[in-house]
Amino acid sequence: MAQNIRQVVNQYWLSAPGSRAFMAMICVPVLFLAFIRSLKVLAWFSVIGNILTIISLAIIFRFIIPGVTTINRPFVANATSIPMFFGTAIYAFEGIGVILPIENEMKHPEHFPAVLNIGMTLVASLYLTVGVVGYLKYGSSICGSITLNLLNTDPLCQSVKIMLAIVIATTYAIQFYVPIEIVWPKIKRRFMPSHALTWELLFRSVLVIFT
């Protein structure tokens, strides 16, 4: 989030501070998102995030598909990069932790297997497509996030970086729901019920700032 936003801001503010400063700024809206205690409310943010993701992907493909080539693109990586692949894949599918809470909150939980299969197939296909096309476009010079390879001066590319930063922020809030649901009930018993909400918000703040 910080790197993408900084790239955009740097086009208009040449003396913009480093990524760490932007991380601190981003912490504020993320903190407010983390205060949301209902998964059903967070689901609406997820919907917004999905819409922004689709728009962003369309723009990304608009810029990376022209110039795609297989020349000088090894199709098998060195064995030393395999651990990095597994780390990236695990990160990409980090939403696995939200599966049980989502099923528990569904109006018709019996439909969950179909929803899960469709969702995972779609997500895996999109990850695979973006990864392959991005690699064929940029080769070994591709960055950790393909948005960092996009033109910094193009308004469309700038909009993608901002949109995906928003998407990641909403994803953080959804991921944050899981550890809170596991840890907070155990901590809550140690405090007076009348002050439970205050302590919970303080606990959420500490976790967000820590991460």
N, C-alpha and C. Protein backbone atom coordinates (compact mmCIF):
# COMPACT_ATOMS: atom_id res chain seq x y z
N MET A 1 0.83 -1.20 0.00
CA MET A 1 0.00 0.00 0.00
C MET A 1 0.87 1.25 0.00
N ALA A 2 1.86 1.27 0.88
CA ALA A 2 2.71 2.45 1.01
C ALA A 2 3.51 2.71 -0.26
N GLN A 3 4.09 1.67 -0.84
CA GLN A 3 4.91 1.84 -2.04
C GLN A 3 4.09 2.35 -3.21
N ASN A 4 2.90 1.77 -3.40
CA ASN A 4 2.05 2.20 -4.52
C ASN A 4 1.58 3.63 -4.35
N ILE A 5 1.12 3.98 -3.16
CA ILE A 5 0.64 5.34 -2.93
C ILE A 5 1.79 6.34 -3.05
N ARG A 6 2.95 5.96 -2.55
CA ARG A 6 4.11 6.86 -2.64
C ARG A 6 4.50 7.12 -4.09
N GLN A 7 4.42 6.09 -4.94
CA GLN A 7 4.74 6.28 -6.36
C GLN A 7 3.82 7.31 -6.99
N VAL A 8 2.55 7.27 -6.63
CA VAL A 8 1.58 8.23 -7.18
C VAL A 8 1.85 9.63 -6.64
N VAL A 9 2.00 9.74 -5.34
CA VAL A 9 2.22 11.05 -4.70
C VAL A 9 3.51 11.68 -5.18
N ASN A 10 4.52 10.84 -5.42
CA ASN A 10 5.84 11.34 -5.82
C ASN A 10 5.81 12.06 -7.17
N GLN A 11 4.78 11.79 -7.97
CA GLN A 11 4.64 12.49 -9.25
C GLN A 11 4.25 13.95 -9.06
N TYR A 12 3.63 14.25 -7.93
CA TYR A 12 3.16 15.60 -7.67
C TYR A 12 3.89 16.25 -6.50
N TRP A 13 4.61 15.46 -5.74
CA TRP A 13 5.35 15.97 -4.57
C TRP A 13 6.72 15.29 -4.59
N LEU A 14 7.67 15.97 -5.24
CA LEU A 14 8.98 15.37 -5.49
C LEU A 14 9.75 15.06 -4.19
N SER A 15 9.48 15.83 -3.17
CA SER A 15 10.18 15.61 -1.90
C SER A 15 9.33 14.79 -0.92
N ALA A 16 8.48 13.92 -1.47
CA ALA A 16 7.61 13.09 -0.62
C ALA A 16 8.45 12.22 0.29
N PRO A 17 7.99 11.99 1.52
CA PRO A 17 8.75 11.15 2.46
C PRO A 17 8.81 9.71 2.00
N GLY A 18 9.56 8.88 2.71
CA GLY A 18 9.73 7.49 2.34
C GLY A 18 8.51 6.64 2.63
N SER A 19 8.62 5.37 2.26
CA SER A 19 7.49 4.44 2.41
C SER A 19 7.05 4.29 3.85
N ARG A 20 8.01 4.37 4.79
CA ARG A 20 7.67 4.22 6.22
C ARG A 20 6.68 5.29 6.66
N ALA A 21 6.88 6.51 6.17
CA ALA A 21 5.96 7.60 6.53
C ALA A 21 4.56 7.33 5.98
N PHE A 22 4.50 6.79 4.77
CA PHE A 22 3.20 6.47 4.19
C PHE A 22 2.55 5.31 4.93
N MET A 23 3.35 4.39 5.43
CA MET A 23 2.80 3.30 6.26
C MET A 23 2.12 3.87 7.50
N ALA A 24 2.74 4.87 8.10
CA ALA A 24 2.17 5.49 9.29
C ALA A 24 0.86 6.20 8.96
N MET A 25 0.81 6.87 7.80
CA MET A 25 -0.42 7.56 7.39
C MET A 25 -1.54 6.56 7.12
N ILE A 26 -1.20 5.47 6.43
CA ILE A 26 -2.18 4.45 6.10
C ILE A 26 -2.73 3.79 7.35
N CYS A 27 -1.93 3.78 8.40
CA CYS A 27 -2.36 3.14 9.65
C CYS A 27 -3.66 3.73 10.18
N VAL A 28 -3.90 5.02 9.92
CA VAL A 28 -5.09 5.70 10.47
C VAL A 28 -6.39 5.13 9.87
N PRO A 29 -6.57 5.13 8.53
CA PRO A 29 -7.81 4.55 7.99
C PRO A 29 -7.92 3.05 8.26
N VAL A 30 -6.79 2.35 8.25
CA VAL A 30 -6.83 0.91 8.55
C VAL A 30 -7.31 0.68 9.98
N LEU A 31 -6.92 1.57 10.87
CA LEU A 31 -7.33 1.48 12.27
C LEU A 31 -8.85 1.59 12.39
N PHE A 32 -9.45 2.53 11.67
CA PHE A 32 -10.90 2.69 11.72
C PHE A 32 -11.61 1.48 11.12
N LEU A 33 -11.04 0.91 10.06
CA LEU A 33 -11.63 -0.30 9.47
C LEU A 33 -11.57 -1.45 10.46
N ALA A 34 -10.49 -1.51 11.23
CA ALA A 34 -10.32 -2.59 12.20
C ALA A 34 -11.29 -2.47 13.37
N PHE A 35 -11.90 -1.28 13.55
CA PHE A 35 -12.87 -1.08 14.62
C PHE A 35 -14.23 -1.70 14.28
N ILE A 36 -14.43 -2.07 13.03
CA ILE A 36 -15.70 -2.68 12.62
C ILE A 36 -15.78 -4.09 13.18
N ARG A 37 -16.82 -4.37 13.95
CA ARG A 37 -16.90 -5.64 14.69
C ARG A 37 -17.85 -6.65 14.07
N SER A 38 -18.50 -6.29 12.97
CA SER A 38 -19.47 -7.17 12.33
C SER A 38 -18.93 -7.65 10.98
N LEU A 39 -18.92 -8.96 10.78
CA LEU A 39 -18.47 -9.52 9.51
C LEU A 39 -19.43 -9.15 8.38
N LYS A 40 -20.71 -8.99 8.72
CA LYS A 40 -21.69 -8.62 7.69
C LYS A 40 -21.44 -7.21 7.17
N VAL A 41 -20.99 -6.31 8.05
CA VAL A 41 -20.63 -4.96 7.62
C VAL A 41 -19.36 -5.01 6.79
N LEU A 42 -18.39 -5.80 7.24
CA LEU A 42 -17.14 -5.93 6.49
C LEU A 42 -17.37 -6.53 5.10
N ALA A 43 -18.43 -7.33 4.98
CA ALA A 43 -18.73 -7.94 3.68
C ALA A 43 -19.01 -6.88 2.62
N TRP A 44 -19.61 -5.75 3.04
CA TRP A 44 -19.88 -4.68 2.08
C TRP A 44 -18.57 -4.05 1.60
N PHE A 45 -17.61 -3.93 2.50
CA PHE A 45 -16.30 -3.43 2.10
C PHE A 45 -15.63 -4.41 1.14
N SER A 46 -15.89 -5.70 1.38
CA SER A 46 -15.35 -6.73 0.49
C SER A 46 -15.94 -6.60 -0.91
N VAL A 47 -17.24 -6.30 -0.98
CA VAL A 47 -17.90 -6.11 -2.28
C VAL A 47 -17.26 -4.94 -3.02
N ILE A 48 -17.06 -3.83 -2.31
CA ILE A 48 -16.42 -2.66 -2.91
C ILE A 48 -15.01 -3.03 -3.39
N GLY A 49 -14.30 -3.79 -2.55
CA GLY A 49 -12.95 -4.23 -2.91
C GLY A 49 -12.95 -5.09 -4.16
N ASN A 50 -13.94 -5.98 -4.29
CA ASN A 50 -14.04 -6.84 -5.47
C ASN A 50 -14.29 -6.03 -6.74
N ILE A 51 -15.16 -5.03 -6.62
CA ILE A 51 -15.45 -4.17 -7.79
C ILE A 51 -14.19 -3.42 -8.22
N LEU A 52 -13.47 -2.86 -7.24
CA LEU A 52 -12.24 -2.13 -7.55
C LEU A 52 -11.19 -3.06 -8.13
N THR A 53 -11.15 -4.31 -7.65
CA THR A 53 -10.19 -5.29 -8.18
C THR A 53 -10.46 -5.59 -9.64
N ILE A 54 -11.73 -5.79 -9.99
CA ILE A 54 -12.09 -6.08 -11.39
C ILE A 54 -11.70 -4.91 -12.30
N ILE A 55 -12.01 -3.69 -11.85
CA ILE A 55 -11.65 -2.51 -12.65
C ILE A 55 -10.13 -2.42 -12.79
N SER A 56 -9.41 -2.66 -11.69
CA SER A 56 -7.95 -2.58 -11.71
C SER A 56 -7.34 -3.62 -12.64
N LEU A 57 -7.88 -4.85 -12.59
CA LEU A 57 -7.35 -5.92 -13.45
C LEU A 57 -7.55 -5.57 -14.92
N ALA A 58 -8.69 -5.00 -15.25
CA ALA A 58 -8.95 -4.61 -16.64
C ALA A 58 -7.92 -3.59 -17.11
N ILE A 59 -7.62 -2.62 -16.26
CA ILE A 59 -6.64 -1.59 -16.61
C ILE A 59 -5.24 -2.20 -16.69
N ILE A 60 -4.91 -3.09 -15.74
CA ILE A 60 -3.58 -3.73 -15.75
C ILE A 60 -3.36 -4.51 -17.03
N PHE A 61 -4.36 -5.31 -17.43
CA PHE A 61 -4.23 -6.08 -18.68
C PHE A 61 -4.12 -5.15 -19.89
N ARG A 62 -4.78 -4.01 -19.80
CA ARG A 62 -4.70 -3.02 -20.90
C ARG A 62 -3.25 -2.59 -21.11
N PHE A 63 -2.46 -2.53 -20.05
CA PHE A 63 -1.09 -2.06 -20.17
C PHE A 63 -0.06 -3.17 -20.32
N ILE A 64 -0.33 -4.36 -19.81
CA ILE A 64 0.71 -5.40 -19.84
C ILE A 64 0.58 -6.37 -21.01
N ILE A 65 -0.61 -6.51 -21.60
CA ILE A 65 -0.76 -7.45 -22.71
C ILE A 65 0.03 -7.01 -23.95
N PRO A 66 -0.01 -5.71 -24.35
CA PRO A 66 0.83 -5.30 -25.48
C PRO A 66 2.32 -5.47 -25.11
N GLY A 67 3.06 -6.10 -25.97
CA GLY A 67 4.48 -6.28 -25.71
C GLY A 67 4.82 -7.58 -25.01
N VAL A 68 3.82 -8.43 -24.77
CA VAL A 68 4.09 -9.74 -24.15
C VAL A 68 4.92 -10.58 -25.10
N THR A 69 5.95 -11.22 -24.59
CA THR A 69 6.83 -12.04 -25.42
C THR A 69 7.36 -13.23 -24.63
N THR A 70 7.68 -14.29 -25.36
CA THR A 70 8.29 -15.47 -24.72
C THR A 70 9.80 -15.50 -24.93
N ILE A 71 10.32 -14.48 -25.63
CA ILE A 71 11.76 -14.42 -25.90
C ILE A 71 12.52 -14.15 -24.60
N ASN A 72 13.55 -14.95 -24.35
CA ASN A 72 14.39 -14.80 -23.15
C ASN A 72 13.57 -14.91 -21.86
N ARG A 73 12.54 -15.74 -21.88
CA ARG A 73 11.73 -15.96 -20.69
C ARG A 73 11.83 -17.44 -20.31
N PRO A 74 12.73 -17.79 -19.41
CA PRO A 74 12.84 -19.20 -18.98
C PRO A 74 11.51 -19.67 -18.38
N PHE A 75 11.07 -20.86 -18.75
CA PHE A 75 9.79 -21.35 -18.27
C PHE A 75 9.92 -22.14 -16.96
N VAL A 76 11.17 -22.44 -16.57
CA VAL A 76 11.41 -23.13 -15.31
C VAL A 76 12.41 -22.31 -14.50
N ALA A 77 12.05 -21.97 -13.28
CA ALA A 77 12.92 -21.15 -12.44
C ALA A 77 13.98 -22.00 -11.76
N ASN A 78 14.97 -21.34 -11.18
CA ASN A 78 15.99 -22.04 -10.41
C ASN A 78 15.36 -22.63 -9.15
N ALA A 79 15.95 -23.72 -8.67
CA ALA A 79 15.42 -24.40 -7.48
C ALA A 79 15.44 -23.48 -6.27
N THR A 80 16.38 -22.52 -6.24
CA THR A 80 16.48 -21.61 -5.09
C THR A 80 15.28 -20.68 -4.97
N SER A 81 14.51 -20.51 -6.06
CA SER A 81 13.35 -19.61 -6.02
C SER A 81 12.07 -20.32 -5.64
N ILE A 82 12.13 -21.66 -5.50
CA ILE A 82 10.92 -22.42 -5.17
C ILE A 82 10.35 -22.02 -3.80
N PRO A 83 11.18 -21.86 -2.75
CA PRO A 83 10.62 -21.42 -1.45
C PRO A 83 9.89 -20.08 -1.56
N MET A 84 10.43 -19.17 -2.39
CA MET A 84 9.76 -17.88 -2.58
C MET A 84 8.39 -18.07 -3.24
N PHE A 85 8.31 -19.04 -4.16
CA PHE A 85 7.03 -19.31 -4.81
C PHE A 85 5.99 -19.76 -3.79
N PHE A 86 6.38 -20.71 -2.94
CA PHE A 86 5.42 -21.22 -1.95
C PHE A 86 5.02 -20.12 -0.98
N GLY A 87 5.98 -19.28 -0.61
CA GLY A 87 5.64 -18.16 0.27
C GLY A 87 4.64 -17.22 -0.37
N THR A 88 4.86 -16.94 -1.66
CA THR A 88 3.96 -16.05 -2.40
C THR A 88 2.57 -16.68 -2.54
N ALA A 89 2.55 -17.99 -2.84
CA ALA A 89 1.26 -18.67 -3.02
C ALA A 89 0.46 -18.69 -1.71
N ILE A 90 1.15 -18.95 -0.60
CA ILE A 90 0.47 -18.96 0.69
C ILE A 90 -0.08 -17.58 1.01
N TYR A 91 0.71 -16.54 0.72
CA TYR A 91 0.24 -15.18 0.96
C TYR A 91 -0.97 -14.86 0.09
N ALA A 92 -0.92 -15.32 -1.18
CA ALA A 92 -2.01 -15.03 -2.12
C ALA A 92 -3.33 -15.62 -1.64
N PHE A 93 -3.27 -16.77 -0.97
CA PHE A 93 -4.49 -17.44 -0.52
C PHE A 93 -4.67 -17.31 1.00
N GLU A 94 -4.22 -16.18 1.54
CA GLU A 94 -4.29 -15.99 2.99
C GLU A 94 -5.73 -15.95 3.49
N GLY A 95 -6.69 -15.70 2.59
CA GLY A 95 -8.09 -15.61 3.00
C GLY A 95 -8.67 -16.91 3.52
N ILE A 96 -7.90 -17.98 3.48
CA ILE A 96 -8.39 -19.28 3.96
C ILE A 96 -8.84 -19.21 5.41
N GLY A 97 -8.24 -18.30 6.17
CA GLY A 97 -8.60 -18.18 7.59
C GLY A 97 -9.99 -17.64 7.83
N VAL A 98 -10.57 -17.03 6.80
CA VAL A 98 -11.90 -16.42 6.95
C VAL A 98 -13.01 -17.39 6.58
N ILE A 99 -12.64 -18.56 6.08
CA ILE A 99 -13.65 -19.48 5.53
C ILE A 99 -14.69 -19.89 6.58
N LEU A 100 -14.24 -20.37 7.73
CA LEU A 100 -15.19 -20.83 8.74
C LEU A 100 -16.07 -19.69 9.28
N PRO A 101 -15.48 -18.51 9.60
CA PRO A 101 -16.35 -17.40 10.03
C PRO A 101 -17.39 -17.01 8.98
N ILE A 102 -17.02 -17.04 7.70
CA ILE A 102 -17.98 -16.70 6.65
C ILE A 102 -19.11 -17.72 6.62
N GLU A 103 -18.75 -18.99 6.71
CA GLU A 103 -19.78 -20.04 6.70
C GLU A 103 -20.72 -19.87 7.88
N ASN A 104 -20.17 -19.54 9.03
CA ASN A 104 -21.00 -19.37 10.24
C ASN A 104 -21.96 -18.19 10.12
N GLU A 105 -21.56 -17.17 9.34
CA GLU A 105 -22.39 -15.97 9.21
C GLU A 105 -23.38 -16.05 8.05
N MET A 106 -23.28 -17.09 7.23
CA MET A 106 -24.14 -17.17 6.05
C MET A 106 -25.60 -17.46 6.43
N LYS A 107 -26.50 -16.90 5.64
CA LYS A 107 -27.93 -17.15 5.85
C LYS A 107 -28.27 -18.59 5.49
N HIS A 108 -27.60 -19.13 4.45
CA HIS A 108 -27.80 -20.52 4.03
C HIS A 108 -26.44 -21.22 3.97
N PRO A 109 -25.94 -21.68 5.11
CA PRO A 109 -24.61 -22.30 5.15
C PRO A 109 -24.47 -23.52 4.24
N GLU A 110 -25.58 -24.16 3.92
CA GLU A 110 -25.50 -25.35 3.07
C GLU A 110 -25.02 -25.01 1.65
N HIS A 111 -25.08 -23.73 1.27
CA HIS A 111 -24.61 -23.33 -0.06
C HIS A 111 -23.12 -23.02 -0.06
N PHE A 112 -22.50 -23.09 1.10
CA PHE A 112 -21.10 -22.65 1.20
C PHE A 112 -20.13 -23.45 0.33
N PRO A 113 -20.22 -24.81 0.25
CA PRO A 113 -19.27 -25.55 -0.61
C PRO A 113 -19.26 -25.06 -2.05
N ALA A 114 -20.42 -24.78 -2.61
CA ALA A 114 -20.49 -24.29 -3.99
C ALA A 114 -19.87 -22.90 -4.10
N VAL A 115 -20.18 -22.04 -3.12
CA VAL A 115 -19.61 -20.69 -3.11
C VAL A 115 -18.09 -20.75 -3.01
N LEU A 116 -17.59 -21.62 -2.14
CA LEU A 116 -16.14 -21.75 -1.95
C LEU A 116 -15.46 -22.24 -3.23
N ASN A 117 -16.02 -23.27 -3.86
CA ASN A 117 -15.41 -23.82 -5.07
C ASN A 117 -15.37 -22.79 -6.20
N ILE A 118 -16.47 -22.10 -6.39
CA ILE A 118 -16.53 -21.09 -7.45
C ILE A 118 -15.55 -19.95 -7.16
N GLY A 119 -15.57 -19.50 -5.92
CA GLY A 119 -14.70 -18.39 -5.53
C GLY A 119 -13.22 -18.72 -5.67
N MET A 120 -12.81 -19.90 -5.17
CA MET A 120 -11.41 -20.29 -5.23
C MET A 120 -10.95 -20.52 -6.66
N THR A 121 -11.81 -21.11 -7.49
CA THR A 121 -11.46 -21.32 -8.89
C THR A 121 -11.26 -20.00 -9.62
N LEU A 122 -12.14 -19.05 -9.35
CA LEU A 122 -12.03 -17.74 -9.99
C LEU A 122 -10.77 -17.02 -9.54
N VAL A 123 -10.52 -17.01 -8.23
CA VAL A 123 -9.35 -16.33 -7.68
C VAL A 123 -8.06 -16.96 -8.20
N ALA A 124 -7.98 -18.29 -8.18
CA ALA A 124 -6.78 -18.98 -8.65
C ALA A 124 -6.52 -18.69 -10.13
N SER A 125 -7.58 -18.65 -10.92
CA SER A 125 -7.44 -18.37 -12.35
C SER A 125 -6.92 -16.95 -12.58
N LEU A 126 -7.44 -16.00 -11.81
CA LEU A 126 -6.99 -14.62 -11.95
C LEU A 126 -5.53 -14.47 -11.53
N TYR A 127 -5.15 -15.10 -10.41
CA TYR A 127 -3.76 -15.04 -9.96
C TYR A 127 -2.83 -15.63 -11.01
N LEU A 128 -3.20 -16.78 -11.55
CA LEU A 128 -2.38 -17.46 -12.54
C LEU A 128 -2.23 -16.61 -13.80
N THR A 129 -3.33 -16.03 -14.27
CA THR A 129 -3.30 -15.22 -15.49
C THR A 129 -2.44 -13.97 -15.31
N VAL A 130 -2.66 -13.25 -14.22
CA VAL A 130 -1.86 -12.04 -13.97
C VAL A 130 -0.39 -12.39 -13.81
N GLY A 131 -0.10 -13.47 -13.10
CA GLY A 131 1.28 -13.87 -12.88
C GLY A 131 1.99 -14.24 -14.17
N VAL A 132 1.35 -15.05 -15.00
CA VAL A 132 1.97 -15.50 -16.25
C VAL A 132 2.14 -14.34 -17.22
N VAL A 133 1.07 -13.58 -17.44
CA VAL A 133 1.14 -12.46 -18.39
C VAL A 133 2.13 -11.40 -17.91
N GLY A 134 2.12 -11.14 -16.61
CA GLY A 134 3.06 -10.16 -16.06
C GLY A 134 4.51 -10.58 -16.24
N TYR A 135 4.79 -11.87 -16.05
CA TYR A 135 6.14 -12.39 -16.22
C TYR A 135 6.56 -12.33 -17.68
N LEU A 136 5.65 -12.68 -18.59
CA LEU A 136 5.98 -12.63 -20.01
C LEU A 136 6.22 -11.19 -20.48
N LYS A 137 5.61 -10.23 -19.79
CA LYS A 137 5.78 -8.82 -20.15
C LYS A 137 7.10 -8.26 -19.60
N TYR A 138 7.36 -8.49 -18.32
CA TYR A 138 8.50 -7.82 -17.67
C TYR A 138 9.68 -8.74 -17.39
N GLY A 139 9.50 -10.04 -17.46
CA GLY A 139 10.60 -10.96 -17.21
C GLY A 139 11.15 -10.85 -15.81
N SER A 140 12.46 -10.91 -15.67
CA SER A 140 13.10 -10.88 -14.35
C SER A 140 13.02 -9.52 -13.67
N SER A 141 12.62 -8.49 -14.43
CA SER A 141 12.54 -7.14 -13.85
C SER A 141 11.19 -6.88 -13.19
N ILE A 142 10.30 -7.88 -13.16
CA ILE A 142 8.99 -7.69 -12.54
C ILE A 142 9.14 -7.48 -11.04
N CYS A 143 8.36 -6.57 -10.50
CA CYS A 143 8.44 -6.25 -9.06
C CYS A 143 7.53 -7.18 -8.27
N GLY A 144 7.63 -7.08 -6.95
CA GLY A 144 6.81 -7.91 -6.08
C GLY A 144 5.33 -7.70 -6.30
N SER A 145 4.95 -6.47 -6.62
CA SER A 145 3.58 -6.14 -7.01
C SER A 145 3.64 -5.60 -8.43
N ILE A 146 2.87 -6.19 -9.33
CA ILE A 146 2.94 -5.79 -10.74
C ILE A 146 2.57 -4.33 -10.94
N THR A 147 1.83 -3.76 -10.01
CA THR A 147 1.46 -2.35 -10.14
C THR A 147 2.68 -1.45 -10.06
N LEU A 148 3.75 -1.91 -9.40
CA LEU A 148 4.96 -1.12 -9.29
C LEU A 148 5.71 -1.05 -10.62
N ASN A 149 5.36 -1.94 -11.56
CA ASN A 149 5.96 -1.91 -12.90
C ASN A 149 5.22 -0.99 -13.85
N LEU A 150 4.01 -0.60 -13.49
CA LEU A 150 3.21 0.25 -14.38
C LEU A 150 3.78 1.67 -14.43
N LEU A 151 3.43 2.40 -15.49
CA LEU A 151 3.91 3.76 -15.67
C LEU A 151 3.43 4.64 -14.51
N ASN A 152 4.36 5.42 -13.97
CA ASN A 152 4.00 6.30 -12.86
C ASN A 152 3.28 7.56 -13.34
N THR A 153 3.48 7.92 -14.61
CA THR A 153 2.95 9.18 -15.11
C THR A 153 1.55 9.06 -15.71
N ASP A 154 1.12 7.85 -15.99
CA ASP A 154 -0.20 7.66 -16.60
C ASP A 154 -1.30 7.71 -15.55
N PRO A 155 -2.33 8.55 -15.73
CA PRO A 155 -3.41 8.66 -14.74
C PRO A 155 -4.13 7.34 -14.48
N LEU A 156 -4.30 6.52 -15.53
CA LEU A 156 -4.96 5.23 -15.33
C LEU A 156 -4.13 4.32 -14.43
N CYS A 157 -2.83 4.30 -14.66
CA CYS A 157 -1.94 3.49 -13.82
C CYS A 157 -1.95 4.00 -12.39
N GLN A 158 -1.99 5.30 -12.24
CA GLN A 158 -2.05 5.89 -10.90
C GLN A 158 -3.33 5.48 -10.19
N SER A 159 -4.44 5.47 -10.95
CA SER A 159 -5.72 5.09 -10.34
C SER A 159 -5.69 3.63 -9.90
N VAL A 160 -5.02 2.76 -10.67
CA VAL A 160 -4.92 1.35 -10.29
C VAL A 160 -4.19 1.21 -8.97
N LYS A 161 -3.10 1.93 -8.81
CA LYS A 161 -2.30 1.83 -7.59
C LYS A 161 -3.10 2.28 -6.36
N ILE A 162 -3.89 3.33 -6.53
CA ILE A 162 -4.72 3.81 -5.43
C ILE A 162 -5.84 2.82 -5.13
N MET A 163 -6.49 2.31 -6.19
CA MET A 163 -7.60 1.37 -6.00
C MET A 163 -7.14 0.09 -5.30
N LEU A 164 -6.01 -0.45 -5.73
CA LEU A 164 -5.53 -1.70 -5.12
C LEU A 164 -5.04 -1.47 -3.70
N ALA A 165 -4.56 -0.27 -3.41
CA ALA A 165 -4.19 0.04 -2.03
C ALA A 165 -5.44 0.01 -1.14
N ILE A 166 -6.56 0.53 -1.67
CA ILE A 166 -7.83 0.49 -0.94
C ILE A 166 -8.29 -0.95 -0.76
N VAL A 167 -8.13 -1.76 -1.82
CA VAL A 167 -8.53 -3.17 -1.75
C VAL A 167 -7.76 -3.89 -0.65
N ILE A 168 -6.45 -3.66 -0.59
CA ILE A 168 -5.62 -4.32 0.42
C ILE A 168 -6.02 -3.88 1.82
N ALA A 169 -6.38 -2.60 1.96
CA ALA A 169 -6.81 -2.10 3.27
C ALA A 169 -8.08 -2.81 3.73
N THR A 170 -9.04 -2.99 2.80
CA THR A 170 -10.27 -3.69 3.17
C THR A 170 -9.99 -5.17 3.47
N THR A 171 -9.05 -5.75 2.72
CA THR A 171 -8.67 -7.14 2.97
C THR A 171 -8.06 -7.30 4.35
N TYR A 172 -7.25 -6.33 4.73
CA TYR A 172 -6.64 -6.36 6.06
C TYR A 172 -7.73 -6.42 7.14
N ALA A 173 -8.75 -5.60 6.97
CA ALA A 173 -9.83 -5.56 7.97
C ALA A 173 -10.55 -6.90 8.07
N ILE A 174 -10.74 -7.55 6.92
CA ILE A 174 -11.43 -8.85 6.92
C ILE A 174 -10.55 -9.91 7.57
N GLN A 175 -9.26 -9.90 7.25
CA GLN A 175 -8.34 -10.86 7.87
C GLN A 175 -8.24 -10.62 9.37
N PHE A 176 -8.33 -9.36 9.76
CA PHE A 176 -8.21 -8.96 11.16
C PHE A 176 -9.35 -9.53 12.01
N TYR A 177 -10.49 -9.77 11.36
CA TYR A 177 -11.67 -10.27 12.07
C TYR A 177 -11.41 -11.62 12.73
N VAL A 178 -10.60 -12.46 12.07
CA VAL A 178 -10.41 -13.83 12.54
C VAL A 178 -9.63 -13.90 13.85
N PRO A 179 -8.42 -13.33 13.95
CA PRO A 179 -7.70 -13.41 15.23
C PRO A 179 -8.43 -12.74 16.39
N ILE A 180 -9.16 -11.66 16.08
CA ILE A 180 -9.92 -10.98 17.14
C ILE A 180 -10.99 -11.92 17.70
N GLU A 181 -11.70 -12.62 16.82
CA GLU A 181 -12.75 -13.54 17.24
C GLU A 181 -12.19 -14.69 18.08
N ILE A 182 -10.94 -15.05 17.83
CA ILE A 182 -10.32 -16.16 18.56
C ILE A 182 -9.76 -15.70 19.90
N VAL A 183 -9.05 -14.56 19.88
CA VAL A 183 -8.29 -14.13 21.05
C VAL A 183 -9.11 -13.28 22.02
N TRP A 184 -9.93 -12.36 21.50
CA TRP A 184 -10.58 -11.38 22.38
C TRP A 184 -11.52 -12.00 23.42
N PRO A 185 -12.36 -12.99 23.08
CA PRO A 185 -13.24 -13.56 24.12
C PRO A 185 -12.48 -14.06 25.35
N LYS A 186 -11.27 -14.57 25.14
CA LYS A 186 -10.48 -15.06 26.27
C LYS A 186 -9.96 -13.89 27.11
N ILE A 187 -9.61 -12.79 26.45
CA ILE A 187 -9.11 -11.62 27.17
C ILE A 187 -10.25 -10.87 27.84
N LYS A 188 -11.42 -10.88 27.22
CA LYS A 188 -12.57 -10.12 27.70
C LYS A 188 -12.96 -10.51 29.12
N ARG A 189 -12.80 -11.78 29.45
CA ARG A 189 -13.20 -12.26 30.77
C ARG A 189 -12.42 -11.58 31.89
N ARG A 190 -11.27 -11.01 31.58
CA ARG A 190 -10.42 -10.40 32.60
C ARG A 190 -10.85 -8.97 32.94
N PHE A 191 -11.79 -8.39 32.15
CA PHE A 191 -12.18 -7.01 32.36
C PHE A 191 -13.66 -6.91 32.70
N MET A 192 -14.04 -5.77 33.29
CA MET A 192 -15.43 -5.55 33.65
C MET A 192 -16.28 -5.44 32.39
N PRO A 193 -17.44 -6.08 32.35
CA PRO A 193 -18.31 -6.02 31.17
C PRO A 193 -18.66 -4.61 30.74
N SER A 194 -18.77 -3.68 31.68
CA SER A 194 -19.16 -2.30 31.35
C SER A 194 -18.07 -1.59 30.54
N HIS A 195 -16.84 -2.07 30.66
CA HIS A 195 -15.74 -1.44 29.93
C HIS A 195 -15.24 -2.33 28.79
N ALA A 196 -15.98 -3.35 28.45
CA ALA A 196 -15.51 -4.33 27.47
C ALA A 196 -15.24 -3.69 26.11
N LEU A 197 -16.15 -2.81 25.65
CA LEU A 197 -15.98 -2.21 24.33
C LEU A 197 -14.73 -1.34 24.28
N THR A 198 -14.51 -0.56 25.33
CA THR A 198 -13.32 0.30 25.37
C THR A 198 -12.04 -0.52 25.30
N TRP A 199 -11.99 -1.59 26.10
CA TRP A 199 -10.81 -2.45 26.10
C TRP A 199 -10.63 -3.15 24.76
N GLU A 200 -11.75 -3.53 24.14
CA GLU A 200 -11.65 -4.21 22.85
C GLU A 200 -11.08 -3.29 21.78
N LEU A 201 -11.57 -2.03 21.74
CA LEU A 201 -11.06 -1.08 20.77
C LEU A 201 -9.58 -0.78 21.01
N LEU A 202 -9.20 -0.72 22.28
CA LEU A 202 -7.79 -0.51 22.61
C LEU A 202 -6.95 -1.69 22.16
N PHE A 203 -7.47 -2.89 22.37
CA PHE A 203 -6.77 -4.10 21.96
C PHE A 203 -6.62 -4.15 20.44
N ARG A 204 -7.68 -3.80 19.73
CA ARG A 204 -7.63 -3.76 18.27
C ARG A 204 -6.59 -2.74 17.79
N SER A 205 -6.55 -1.58 18.45
CA SER A 205 -5.60 -0.55 18.07
C SER A 205 -4.17 -1.02 18.23
N VAL A 206 -3.89 -1.69 19.34
CA VAL A 206 -2.55 -2.18 19.61
C VAL A 206 -2.12 -3.19 18.54
N LEU A 207 -3.02 -4.09 18.18
CA LEU A 207 -2.70 -5.11 17.17
C LEU A 207 -2.43 -4.47 15.79
N VAL A 208 -3.26 -3.50 15.42
CA VAL A 208 -3.07 -2.84 14.12
C VAL A 208 -1.73 -2.12 14.09
N ILE A 209 -1.44 -1.35 15.14
CA ILE A 209 -0.18 -0.60 15.19
C ILE A 209 1.01 -1.56 15.23
N PHE A 210 0.87 -2.67 15.95
CA PHE A 210 1.96 -3.65 16.03
C PHE A 210 2.25 -4.25 14.66
N THR A 211 1.20 -4.65 13.96
CA THR A 211 1.43 -5.26 12.63
C THR A 211 1.88 -4.23 11.61
